[in-house]
Amino acid sequence: MNSDFELSRAVGSRLLQRNETLALAESCTGGWIAKVITDVPGSSNWFGYGFVTYSNEAKHKLLGVPMSIFEQWGAVSAECVKAMASGAQRVSGASWALSVSGIAGPSGGTADKPVGTVWFGLVGTEGLEVALRQHFPGNREDVRRAATHFALQLLLEKLNSPDLGAPNR
């Protein structure tokens, strides 16, 4: 699938087949994933919550990410995106929650976490929990666009995984 619209439509179709829903917790993408999802007519049938938690304070207050995570690992970490996704799922009651936190640039990068570093978190049915790190080249928009696309691909891949078993009813 090439376009974000096609990916979003496929995600929605799969969620509907499974009688499941999605929530998002976005940081560096700033709501871009939610925008692409809501471009799909009827997305309200499977998407109900999108949290744009750009600051650590927002991640803590809205999603319950412990402050100790920011102190120990930072906002751009596996621990943070797992907590973000878990918080979004808990608050929304969605079957699935996808989270994104990264450094889109042009500044803010470090040797350990250069500009373009993005972490993705996913929690879902049957206790599935994923945290993946990616690095995307380019400018701020390139990184954010690539992160949005990757997030949708990741979600669709997990929704189509034979390991998930039968749809929840």
C-alpha atoms as a PDB file:
ATOM      1  CA  MET A   1       0.000   0.000   0.000  1.00  0.00           C
ATOM      2  CA  ASN A   2       1.381   3.325  -0.969  1.00  0.00           C
ATOM      3  CA  SER A   3      -0.742   6.104   0.411  1.00  0.00           C
ATOM      4  CA  ASP A   4      -1.553   6.901   4.008  1.00  0.00           C
ATOM      5  CA  PHE A   5      -5.210   7.060   2.991  1.00  0.00           C
ATOM      6  CA  GLU A   6      -5.066   3.494   1.635  1.00  0.00           C
ATOM      7  CA  LEU A   7      -3.297   2.307   4.784  1.00  0.00           C
ATOM      8  CA  SER A   8      -5.866   4.040   6.994  1.00  0.00           C
ATOM      9  CA  ARG A   9      -8.735   2.550   5.036  1.00  0.00           C
ATOM     10  CA  ALA A  10      -7.175  -0.935   5.330  1.00  0.00           C
ATOM     11  CA  VAL A  11      -6.644  -0.469   9.086  1.00  0.00           C
ATOM     12  CA  GLY A  12     -10.270   0.589   9.470  1.00  0.00           C
ATOM     13  CA  SER A  13     -11.545  -2.315   7.417  1.00  0.00           C
ATOM     14  CA  ARG A  14      -9.549  -4.773   9.496  1.00  0.00           C
ATOM     15  CA  LEU A  15     -10.667  -3.223  12.786  1.00  0.00           C
ATOM     16  CA  LEU A  16     -14.306  -3.393  11.656  1.00  0.00           C
ATOM     17  CA  GLN A  17     -13.877  -7.056  10.656  1.00  0.00           C
ATOM     18  CA  ARG A  18     -12.489  -7.732  14.117  1.00  0.00           C
ATOM     19  CA  ASN A  19     -15.131  -5.572  15.854  1.00  0.00           C
ATOM     20  CA  GLU A  20     -12.330  -3.552  17.457  1.00  0.00           C
ATOM     21  CA  THR A  21     -11.372   0.091  17.951  1.00  0.00           C
ATOM     22  CA  LEU A  22      -8.278   2.277  17.951  1.00  0.00           C
ATOM     23  CA  ALA A  23      -6.926   5.125  20.071  1.00  0.00           C
ATOM     24  CA  LEU A  24      -3.811   7.191  19.367  1.00  0.00           C
ATOM     25  CA  ALA A  25      -1.232   8.923  21.553  1.00  0.00           C
ATOM     26  CA  GLU A  26       0.901  11.187  19.373  1.00  0.00           C
ATOM     27  CA  SER A  27       3.813  13.424  20.209  1.00  0.00           C
ATOM     28  CA  CYS A  28       6.181  14.287  17.331  1.00  0.00           C
ATOM     29  CA  THR A  29       3.511  13.592  14.703  1.00  0.00           C
ATOM     30  CA  GLY A  30       1.280  16.229  16.308  1.00  0.00           C
ATOM     31  CA  GLY A  31      -2.007  14.611  15.329  1.00  0.00           C
ATOM     32  CA  TRP A  32      -0.968  13.756  11.785  1.00  0.00           C
ATOM     33  CA  ILE A  33      -1.929  10.085  12.221  1.00  0.00           C
ATOM     34  CA  ALA A  34      -5.360  11.100  13.526  1.00  0.00           C
ATOM     35  CA  LYS A  35      -5.759  13.461  10.572  1.00  0.00           C
ATOM     36  CA  VAL A  36      -4.962  10.735   8.062  1.00  0.00           C
ATOM     37  CA  ILE A  37      -7.310   8.292   9.802  1.00  0.00           C
ATOM     38  CA  THR A  38     -10.172  10.768   9.919  1.00  0.00           C
ATOM     39  CA  ASP A  39      -9.759  11.404   6.179  1.00  0.00           C
ATOM     40  CA  VAL A  40     -11.436   7.986   5.800  1.00  0.00           C
ATOM     41  CA  PRO A  41     -15.228   8.279   5.698  1.00  0.00           C
ATOM     42  CA  GLY A  42     -16.794   6.261   8.509  1.00  0.00           C
ATOM     43  CA  SER A  43     -13.625   6.214  10.621  1.00  0.00           C
ATOM     44  CA  SER A  44     -15.711   7.176  13.666  1.00  0.00           C
ATOM     45  CA  ASN A  45     -16.909   3.554  13.656  1.00  0.00           C
ATOM     46  CA  TRP A  46     -13.446   2.366  14.689  1.00  0.00           C
ATOM     47  CA  PHE A  47     -11.514   5.439  15.863  1.00  0.00           C
ATOM     48  CA  GLY A  48     -12.690   7.476  18.819  1.00  0.00           C
ATOM     49  CA  TYR A  49      -9.733   8.941  20.719  1.00  0.00           C
ATOM     50  CA  GLY A  50      -6.626  10.801  19.660  1.00  0.00           C
ATOM     51  CA  PHE A  51      -4.309  12.345  22.243  1.00  0.00           C
ATOM     52  CA  VAL A  52      -1.713  14.874  21.117  1.00  0.00           C
ATOM     53  CA  THR A  53       0.634  14.874  24.082  1.00  0.00           C
ATOM     54  CA  TYR A  54       3.545  16.940  22.908  1.00  0.00           C
ATOM     55  CA  SER A  55       4.896  17.862  26.340  1.00  0.00           C
ATOM     56  CA  ASN A  56       5.975  15.525  29.110  1.00  0.00           C
ATOM     57  CA  GLU A  57       3.380  17.197  31.325  1.00  0.00           C
ATOM     58  CA  ALA A  58       0.615  16.278  28.857  1.00  0.00           C
ATOM     59  CA  LYS A  59       1.888  12.698  28.615  1.00  0.00           C
ATOM     60  CA  HIS A  60       1.804  12.512  32.405  1.00  0.00           C
ATOM     61  CA  LYS A  61      -1.542  14.261  33.013  1.00  0.00           C
ATOM     62  CA  LEU A  62      -3.567  12.787  30.158  1.00  0.00           C
ATOM     63  CA  LEU A  63      -2.036   9.339  29.752  1.00  0.00           C
ATOM     64  CA  GLY A  64      -0.567   8.663  33.186  1.00  0.00           C
ATOM     65  CA  VAL A  65       3.024   8.284  32.019  1.00  0.00           C
ATOM     66  CA  PRO A  66       5.064   8.244  35.247  1.00  0.00           C
ATOM     67  CA  MET A  67       7.453  11.170  35.638  1.00  0.00           C
ATOM     68  CA  SER A  68      10.166   8.646  36.525  1.00  0.00           C
ATOM     69  CA  ILE A  69      10.125   7.449  32.886  1.00  0.00           C
ATOM     70  CA  PHE A  70      11.109  10.904  31.633  1.00  0.00           C
ATOM     71  CA  GLU A  71      13.827  11.172  34.276  1.00  0.00           C
ATOM     72  CA  GLN A  72      15.298   7.738  33.628  1.00  0.00           C
ATOM     73  CA  TRP A  73      14.766   7.105  29.893  1.00  0.00           C
ATOM     74  CA  GLY A  74      13.346  10.287  28.384  1.00  0.00           C
ATOM     75  CA  ALA A  75      10.245  10.906  26.294  1.00  0.00           C
ATOM     76  CA  VAL A  76      11.833   9.299  23.236  1.00  0.00           C
ATOM     77  CA  SER A  77      12.155   5.764  24.549  1.00  0.00           C
ATOM     78  CA  ALA A  78      10.553   2.332  24.532  1.00  0.00           C
ATOM     79  CA  GLU A  79       9.394   2.826  28.092  1.00  0.00           C
ATOM     80  CA  CYS A  80       7.643   6.090  27.256  1.00  0.00           C
ATOM     81  CA  VAL A  81       5.800   4.877  24.151  1.00  0.00           C
ATOM     82  CA  LYS A  82       4.640   1.730  25.943  1.00  0.00           C
ATOM     83  CA  ALA A  83       3.285   3.850  28.794  1.00  0.00           C
ATOM     84  CA  MET A  84       1.687   6.275  26.326  1.00  0.00           C
ATOM     85  CA  ALA A  85      -0.055   3.472  24.442  1.00  0.00           C
ATOM     86  CA  SER A  86      -1.171   1.757  27.644  1.00  0.00           C
ATOM     87  CA  GLY A  87      -2.520   5.049  28.966  1.00  0.00           C
ATOM     88  CA  ALA A  88      -4.422   5.776  25.755  1.00  0.00           C
ATOM     89  CA  GLN A  89      -5.930   2.306  25.801  1.00  0.00           C
ATOM     90  CA  ARG A  90      -6.891   2.602  29.476  1.00  0.00           C
ATOM     91  CA  VAL A  91      -8.474   6.059  29.119  1.00  0.00           C
ATOM     92  CA  SER A  92     -10.311   5.280  25.870  1.00  0.00           C
ATOM     93  CA  GLY A  93     -11.272   1.659  26.365  1.00  0.00           C
ATOM     94  CA  ALA A  94     -10.101   0.982  22.795  1.00  0.00           C
ATOM     95  CA  SER A  95      -9.020  -2.470  21.692  1.00  0.00           C
ATOM     96  CA  TRP A  96      -5.784  -1.039  20.303  1.00  0.00           C
ATOM     97  CA  ALA A  97      -3.659   1.994  21.119  1.00  0.00           C
ATOM     98  CA  LEU A  98      -0.772   3.263  19.039  1.00  0.00           C
ATOM     99  CA  SER A  99       1.762   5.805  20.296  1.00  0.00           C
ATOM    100  CA  VAL A 100       4.567   7.807  18.711  1.00  0.00           C
ATOM    101  CA  SER A 101       7.341   9.908  20.278  1.00  0.00           C
ATOM    102  CA  GLY A 102      10.425  11.167  18.516  1.00  0.00           C
ATOM    103  CA  ILE A 103      12.826  13.913  17.556  1.00  0.00           C
ATOM    104  CA  ALA A 104      11.699  15.495  14.291  1.00  0.00           C
ATOM    105  CA  GLY A 105      14.310  18.259  14.357  1.00  0.00           C
ATOM    106  CA  PRO A 106      15.914  20.357  13.237  1.00  0.00           C
ATOM    107  CA  SER A 107      17.323  20.480  16.790  1.00  0.00           C
ATOM    108  CA  GLY A 108      16.936  18.375  19.912  1.00  0.00           C
ATOM    109  CA  GLY A 109      18.979  15.384  18.868  1.00  0.00           C
ATOM    110  CA  THR A 110      21.812  13.815  20.845  1.00  0.00           C
ATOM    111  CA  ALA A 111      24.475  11.216  20.067  1.00  0.00           C
ATOM    112  CA  ASP A 112      22.219   8.482  21.481  1.00  0.00           C
ATOM    113  CA  LYS A 113      19.025   9.907  19.986  1.00  0.00           C
ATOM    114  CA  PRO A 114      19.821  11.837  16.806  1.00  0.00           C
ATOM    115  CA  VAL A 115      17.269  13.888  14.923  1.00  0.00           C
ATOM    116  CA  GLY A 116      15.026  11.450  13.072  1.00  0.00           C
ATOM    117  CA  THR A 117      14.816   8.974  15.957  1.00  0.00           C
ATOM    118  CA  VAL A 118      11.213   7.881  16.516  1.00  0.00           C
ATOM    119  CA  TRP A 119       9.799   5.281  18.898  1.00  0.00           C
ATOM    120  CA  PHE A 120       6.477   3.549  18.243  1.00  0.00           C
ATOM    121  CA  GLY A 121       4.372   1.802  20.874  1.00  0.00           C
ATOM    122  CA  LEU A 122       1.431  -0.487  20.316  1.00  0.00           C
ATOM    123  CA  VAL A 123      -0.794  -2.268  22.774  1.00  0.00           C
ATOM    124  CA  GLY A 124      -3.634  -4.420  21.689  1.00  0.00           C
ATOM    125  CA  THR A 125      -5.732  -7.456  22.109  1.00  0.00           C
ATOM    126  CA  GLU A 126      -4.446 -10.478  23.950  1.00  0.00           C
ATOM    127  CA  GLY A 127      -1.851  -8.394  25.774  1.00  0.00           C
ATOM    128  CA  LEU A 128       0.192  -7.601  22.675  1.00  0.00           C
ATOM    129  CA  GLU A 129       2.777  -4.939  23.485  1.00  0.00           C
ATOM    130  CA  VAL A 130       5.296  -3.627  20.972  1.00  0.00           C
ATOM    131  CA  ALA A 131       7.951  -0.918  21.076  1.00  0.00           C
ATOM    132  CA  LEU A 132      10.010  -0.248  17.971  1.00  0.00           C
ATOM    133  CA  ARG A 133      12.704   2.328  17.235  1.00  0.00           C
ATOM    134  CA  GLN A 134      13.206   3.735  13.773  1.00  0.00           C
ATOM    135  CA  HIS A 135      15.389   6.434  12.280  1.00  0.00           C
ATOM    136  CA  PHE A 136      14.082   8.521   9.403  1.00  0.00           C
ATOM    137  CA  PRO A 137      16.234  10.841   7.272  1.00  0.00           C
ATOM    138  CA  GLY A 138      15.292  14.282   6.087  1.00  0.00           C
ATOM    139  CA  ASN A 139      13.869  17.468   7.487  1.00  0.00           C
ATOM    140  CA  ARG A 140      11.174  17.890  10.120  1.00  0.00           C
ATOM    141  CA  GLU A 141       8.300  17.288   7.714  1.00  0.00           C
ATOM    142  CA  ASP A 142      10.024  14.258   6.178  1.00  0.00           C
ATOM    143  CA  VAL A 143      10.495  12.667   9.607  1.00  0.00           C
ATOM    144  CA  ARG A 144       6.901  13.335  10.662  1.00  0.00           C
ATOM    145  CA  ARG A 145       5.485  12.072   7.367  1.00  0.00           C
ATOM    146  CA  ALA A 146       7.620   8.910   7.481  1.00  0.00           C
ATOM    147  CA  ALA A 147       6.648   8.293  11.118  1.00  0.00           C
ATOM    148  CA  THR A 148       2.958   8.588  10.257  1.00  0.00           C
ATOM    149  CA  HIS A 149       3.306   6.128   7.400  1.00  0.00           C
ATOM    150  CA  PHE A 150       5.364   3.668   9.452  1.00  0.00           C
ATOM    151  CA  ALA A 151       2.855   3.784  12.330  1.00  0.00           C
ATOM    152  CA  LEU A 152      -0.029   2.876  10.031  1.00  0.00           C
ATOM    153  CA  GLN A 153       1.989   0.071   8.421  1.00  0.00           C
ATOM    154  CA  LEU A 154       2.934  -1.311  11.841  1.00  0.00           C
ATOM    155  CA  LEU A 155      -0.666  -1.315  13.000  1.00  0.00           C
ATOM    156  CA  LEU A 156      -1.940  -2.993   9.840  1.00  0.00           C
ATOM    157  CA  GLU A 157       0.806  -5.622  10.054  1.00  0.00           C
ATOM    158  CA  LYS A 158      -0.187  -6.481  13.624  1.00  0.00           C
ATOM    159  CA  LEU A 159      -3.896  -6.512  12.783  1.00  0.00           C
ATOM    160  CA  ASN A 160      -3.195  -8.979   9.962  1.00  0.00           C
ATOM    161  CA  SER A 161      -0.928 -11.173  12.067  1.00  0.00           C
ATOM    162  CA  PRO A 162      -2.126 -14.791  12.282  1.00  0.00           C
ATOM    163  CA  ASP A 163      -0.850 -14.836  15.881  1.00  0.00           C
ATOM    164  CA  LEU A 164      -3.774 -12.657  16.980  1.00  0.00           C
ATOM    165  CA  GLY A 165      -6.343 -15.389  16.452  1.00  0.00           C
ATOM    166  CA  ALA A 166     -10.030 -14.789  15.866  1.00  0.00           C
ATOM    167  CA  PRO A 167     -11.622 -11.360  16.058  1.00  0.00           C
ATOM    168  CA  ASN A 168     -12.918 -10.258  19.443  1.00  0.00           C
ATOM    169  CA  ARG A 169     -16.676 -10.337  19.606  1.00  0.00           C
END
